[in-house]
Amino acid sequence: MSLKDLTNDLPSDLPNIDADEFAIPASDSLQMDTGSHKPRILLLYGSLRERSFSRLAIEESARLLTAFGAEAKIFDPQGLPQPDSDDGSHPKVQELRELMIWSEGQVWCSPERHGSMTGIMKSQIDWVPLNMGGVRPTQGKTLAIMQVCGGSQSFNAVNQMRILGRWMRMFTIPNQSSVAKAFLEFDEAGRMKSSPYYNRIVDVMEELMKFTLLLRDNKDYLVDRYSERVETAEQVSQRVNQASTGDTK
């Protein structure tokens, strides 16, 4: 519902508002249907080690998501070139970008290295532009963040990824996971042991599923912005004016 639907005159204290593009949020604009397909979740991890604990945590998360009713896909960063070293045509870059568009929610898990997320983790996100062929591949999608630690529990990597998720215009869920001394939390087969850390990952995946079901069919409405609607209108006007000017010459 736009402002012009409610009144013919703009309020005197909002002289800068464009009535045609000012939309009043309304609950009847939200879709309450949970969709006909399984939630599509992409999982990323930030280490190439043979026994990568971030990968093991992601694999455990994928099992949980599948049990919760999601379709889960894990991207393998092995062979992904460094950002700016390729024009984007590399098969691994194309695979990553296609998965980004396919997904409705994501899970990122990175080791903490030197007080931050790893370069492997960051490189995956750096290969994904905010705008790709007129489509914002991550905007409005849900995100869960986790980290694994070699020592005591820390939150530097998840704090950075939370900022990164906001920059990618994603809905990062409130809950998160940080696994301390990760080398003690997985058995020889790579399965996570029963522990409070495991229970937290279950919590995070459950919460991600709930938020994804709630938001996925409403993301276009939720991220529809007044400033962008106005900008689009101005761009159309400029094109029309330029065409008109050209016709007179």
Protein backbone atom coordinates (compact mmCIF):
# COMPACT_ATOMS: atom_id res chain seq x y z
CA MET A 1 0.00 0.00 0.00
CA SER A 2 1.45 3.34 -1.02
CA LEU A 3 1.01 6.68 0.71
CA LYS A 4 -1.05 7.98 -2.18
CA ASP A 5 -3.59 5.20 -1.52
CA LEU A 6 -4.31 6.70 1.89
CA THR A 7 -4.30 10.39 1.16
CA ASN A 8 -4.12 12.71 -1.81
CA ASP A 9 -1.72 15.03 -0.02
CA LEU A 10 1.70 14.29 1.47
CA PRO A 11 2.06 15.19 5.14
CA SER A 12 3.51 18.66 5.49
CA ASP A 13 6.46 17.34 7.51
CA LEU A 14 7.52 14.89 4.73
CA PRO A 15 8.15 17.21 1.79
CA ASN A 16 10.93 15.04 0.34
CA ILE A 17 8.84 11.87 0.07
CA ASP A 18 7.77 10.55 -3.32
CA ALA A 19 4.19 9.37 -2.70
CA ASP A 20 4.29 6.98 -5.66
CA GLU A 21 7.20 5.05 -4.16
CA PHE A 22 6.44 5.32 -0.43
CA ALA A 23 5.05 1.90 0.58
CA ILE A 24 3.52 1.32 4.01
CA PRO A 25 4.48 -2.16 5.34
CA ALA A 26 1.46 -4.41 5.67
CA SER A 27 1.10 -7.95 6.96
CA ASP A 28 -1.18 -8.90 4.07
CA SER A 29 1.79 -8.44 1.74
CA LEU A 30 3.57 -11.35 3.40
CA GLN A 31 3.32 -14.89 2.07
CA MET A 32 2.51 -17.40 4.80
CA ASP A 33 2.82 -20.48 2.59
CA THR A 34 6.01 -22.42 3.45
CA GLY A 35 6.59 -23.40 -0.18
CA SER A 36 6.29 -26.63 -2.12
CA HIS A 37 9.95 -27.63 -2.19
CA LYS A 38 12.56 -28.36 0.45
CA PRO A 39 14.56 -25.37 1.71
CA ARG A 40 17.78 -25.17 -0.33
CA ILE A 41 20.82 -24.69 1.89
CA LEU A 42 24.41 -24.11 0.69
CA LEU A 43 27.22 -24.89 3.13
CA LEU A 44 30.73 -23.40 2.93
CA TYR A 45 33.84 -24.24 4.94
CA GLY A 46 37.20 -22.53 5.25
CA SER A 47 40.03 -25.06 5.23
CA LEU A 48 41.71 -27.36 2.69
CA ARG A 49 43.35 -29.66 5.22
CA GLU A 50 42.77 -33.39 4.75
CA ARG A 51 41.23 -33.53 8.24
CA SER A 52 39.52 -30.17 8.21
CA PHE A 53 37.42 -29.58 11.31
CA SER A 54 35.44 -26.82 9.64
CA ARG A 55 34.56 -29.31 6.88
CA LEU A 56 33.64 -31.97 9.44
CA ALA A 57 31.41 -29.47 11.24
CA ILE A 58 29.79 -28.57 7.91
CA GLU A 59 29.23 -32.23 7.05
CA GLU A 60 27.58 -32.75 10.45
CA SER A 61 25.44 -29.66 9.80
CA ALA A 62 24.40 -31.01 6.39
CA ARG A 63 23.23 -34.25 8.00
CA LEU A 64 21.17 -32.30 10.50
CA LEU A 65 19.68 -30.04 7.84
CA THR A 66 18.71 -33.07 5.76
CA ALA A 67 17.02 -34.57 8.83
CA PHE A 68 15.19 -31.27 9.36
CA GLY A 69 13.84 -31.50 5.79
CA ALA A 70 16.27 -29.36 3.79
CA GLU A 71 18.14 -30.04 0.56
CA ALA A 72 21.77 -29.42 1.52
CA LYS A 73 24.73 -28.94 -0.82
CA ILE A 74 28.36 -28.48 0.27
CA PHE A 75 30.78 -26.50 -1.89
CA ASP A 76 34.34 -27.86 -2.02
CA PRO A 77 36.76 -24.89 -2.22
CA GLN A 78 39.63 -27.08 -3.44
CA GLY A 79 40.83 -25.61 -6.75
CA LEU A 80 39.02 -22.30 -6.39
CA PRO A 81 41.40 -19.59 -7.68
CA GLN A 82 42.24 -16.52 -5.66
CA PRO A 83 39.94 -13.54 -6.27
CA ASP A 84 41.04 -11.32 -9.16
CA SER A 85 43.37 -14.02 -10.53
CA ASP A 86 40.70 -15.13 -13.01
CA ASP A 87 38.02 -13.37 -15.05
CA GLY A 88 35.28 -15.41 -13.40
CA SER A 89 35.06 -18.07 -16.09
CA HIS A 90 36.88 -20.70 -14.02
CA PRO A 91 34.65 -23.78 -13.49
CA LYS A 92 34.93 -23.56 -9.69
CA VAL A 93 33.89 -19.91 -9.74
CA GLN A 94 30.93 -20.73 -11.96
CA GLU A 95 29.96 -23.63 -9.70
CA LEU A 96 30.09 -21.41 -6.61
CA ARG A 97 28.04 -18.64 -8.19
CA GLU A 98 25.40 -21.07 -9.45
CA LEU A 99 25.09 -22.56 -5.96
CA MET A 100 24.77 -19.07 -4.48
CA ILE A 101 21.81 -18.34 -6.74
CA TRP A 102 20.31 -21.80 -6.13
CA SER A 103 20.40 -21.47 -2.35
CA GLU A 104 17.71 -20.00 -0.10
CA GLY A 105 19.88 -20.17 3.01
CA GLN A 106 23.54 -20.74 3.79
CA VAL A 107 25.90 -22.00 6.49
CA TRP A 108 29.44 -20.63 6.76
CA CYS A 109 32.02 -22.31 9.00
CA SER A 110 35.61 -21.13 9.28
CA PRO A 111 38.55 -21.95 11.48
CA GLU A 112 39.90 -19.00 13.40
CA ARG A 113 43.42 -18.29 12.18
CA HIS A 114 45.48 -15.40 13.54
CA GLY A 115 42.35 -13.97 15.13
CA SER A 116 40.18 -13.97 12.02
CA MET A 117 38.39 -16.10 9.46
CA THR A 118 40.67 -17.85 6.98
CA GLY A 119 41.56 -16.59 3.53
CA ILE A 120 39.93 -19.72 2.09
CA MET A 121 36.63 -18.70 3.67
CA LYS A 122 36.85 -15.07 2.63
CA SER A 123 37.91 -15.93 -0.94
CA GLN A 124 34.69 -17.85 -1.52
CA ILE A 125 32.60 -14.82 -0.59
CA ASP A 126 34.86 -12.45 -2.53
CA TRP A 127 34.08 -14.37 -5.72
CA VAL A 128 30.39 -13.51 -5.35
CA PRO A 129 29.52 -10.00 -6.54
CA LEU A 130 26.69 -8.08 -4.90
CA ASN A 131 25.11 -7.79 -8.33
CA MET A 132 25.45 -10.47 -10.99
CA GLY A 133 23.59 -10.09 -14.26
CA GLY A 134 20.95 -7.94 -12.64
CA VAL A 135 20.52 -10.44 -9.80
CA ARG A 136 21.82 -10.00 -6.25
CA PRO A 137 22.82 -13.62 -5.55
CA THR A 138 22.80 -13.43 -1.74
CA GLN A 139 20.34 -10.64 -0.92
CA GLY A 140 17.51 -11.68 1.37
CA LYS A 141 18.82 -15.18 2.01
CA THR A 142 19.29 -16.61 5.49
CA LEU A 143 22.70 -17.31 6.97
CA ALA A 144 24.05 -19.30 9.91
CA ILE A 145 27.64 -18.79 11.03
CA MET A 146 29.99 -21.13 12.89
CA GLN A 147 33.66 -21.39 13.70
CA VAL A 148 36.06 -24.04 14.95
CA CYS A 149 38.95 -23.21 17.27
CA GLY A 150 42.30 -24.90 17.80
CA GLY A 151 42.37 -23.74 21.41
CA SER A 152 39.98 -22.04 23.78
CA GLN A 153 36.62 -20.79 22.58
CA SER A 154 36.73 -17.58 20.59
CA PHE A 155 34.27 -15.55 18.54
CA ASN A 156 36.49 -13.47 16.27
CA ALA A 157 35.68 -15.42 13.10
CA VAL A 158 31.91 -15.51 13.66
CA ASN A 159 31.92 -11.80 14.48
CA GLN A 160 33.66 -11.09 11.18
CA MET A 161 31.33 -13.37 9.25
CA ARG A 162 28.32 -11.66 10.83
CA ILE A 163 29.58 -8.35 9.43
CA LEU A 164 30.27 -10.02 6.08
CA GLY A 165 26.76 -11.49 6.00
CA ARG A 166 25.27 -8.05 6.53
CA TRP A 167 27.47 -6.68 3.74
CA MET A 168 26.14 -9.43 1.45
CA ARG A 169 22.60 -8.31 2.41
CA MET A 170 21.72 -11.58 4.12
CA PHE A 171 19.53 -12.31 7.15
CA THR A 172 22.05 -13.72 9.64
CA ILE A 173 20.22 -15.66 12.34
CA PRO A 174 20.79 -14.68 16.01
CA ASN A 175 22.27 -18.02 17.10
CA GLN A 176 25.81 -19.11 16.25
CA SER A 177 28.34 -21.81 17.10
CA SER A 178 31.96 -21.75 18.21
CA VAL A 179 33.62 -25.12 18.86
CA ALA A 180 36.63 -24.93 21.20
CA LYS A 181 39.49 -27.43 20.84
CA ALA A 182 37.82 -28.88 17.79
CA PHE A 183 40.41 -31.66 17.53
CA LEU A 184 38.82 -33.21 20.63
CA GLU A 185 35.23 -33.02 19.36
CA PHE A 186 35.37 -35.45 16.40
CA ASP A 187 36.02 -39.18 16.38
CA GLU A 188 38.34 -41.02 14.00
CA ALA A 189 35.53 -41.45 11.49
CA GLY A 190 35.01 -37.70 11.39
CA ARG A 191 31.71 -37.71 13.27
CA MET A 192 31.10 -35.12 15.97
CA LYS A 193 30.87 -36.47 19.49
CA SER A 194 27.91 -35.85 21.74
CA SER A 195 28.58 -32.66 23.70
CA PRO A 196 27.18 -29.19 24.43
CA TYR A 197 29.03 -28.04 21.28
CA TYR A 198 27.14 -30.60 19.22
CA ASN A 199 23.86 -29.56 20.81
CA ARG A 200 24.58 -25.94 19.89
CA ILE A 201 25.08 -26.88 16.25
CA VAL A 202 21.73 -28.70 16.35
CA ASP A 203 20.20 -25.49 17.75
CA VAL A 204 21.76 -23.37 15.00
CA MET A 205 20.58 -25.65 12.18
CA GLU A 206 17.07 -25.84 13.65
CA GLU A 207 16.92 -22.06 13.91
CA LEU A 208 18.23 -21.63 10.37
CA MET A 209 15.49 -23.90 9.06
CA LYS A 210 12.80 -21.94 10.89
CA PHE A 211 14.03 -18.58 9.62
CA THR A 212 14.45 -19.92 6.08
CA LEU A 213 10.90 -21.28 6.00
CA LEU A 214 9.62 -17.96 7.33
CA LEU A 215 11.60 -15.66 5.05
CA ARG A 216 12.34 -17.40 1.76
CA ASP A 217 9.02 -16.62 0.07
CA ASN A 218 9.05 -13.07 1.45
CA LYS A 219 12.62 -12.00 0.74
CA ASP A 220 11.77 -9.93 -2.34
CA TYR A 221 9.19 -7.99 -0.36
CA LEU A 222 11.37 -7.64 2.75
CA VAL A 223 14.36 -6.22 0.87
CA ASP A 224 12.33 -3.95 -1.41
CA ARG A 225 13.68 -0.48 -0.60
CA TYR A 226 12.22 2.97 -1.07
CA SER A 227 15.61 4.44 -2.05
CA GLU A 228 16.02 1.87 -4.83
CA ARG A 229 12.48 2.35 -6.10
CA VAL A 230 13.07 6.10 -6.30
CA GLU A 231 16.42 5.57 -8.01
CA THR A 232 14.83 3.32 -10.61
CA ALA A 233 12.16 5.91 -11.31
CA GLU A 234 14.82 8.59 -11.73
CA GLN A 235 16.83 6.41 -14.10
CA VAL A 236 13.78 5.83 -16.27
CA SER A 237 13.12 9.56 -16.30
CA GLN A 238 16.69 10.30 -17.33
CA ARG A 239 16.50 7.85 -20.22
CA VAL A 240 13.22 9.36 -21.41
CA ASN A 241 14.61 12.89 -21.13
CA GLN A 242 17.77 11.94 -22.99
CA ALA A 243 15.71 10.36 -25.78
CA SER A 244 13.52 13.44 -25.98
CA THR A 245 16.56 15.70 -26.12
CA GLY A 246 18.06 13.59 -28.87
CA ASP A 247 14.90 13.80 -30.94
CA THR A 248 15.06 17.59 -30.98
CA LYS A 249 18.58 17.76 -32.34
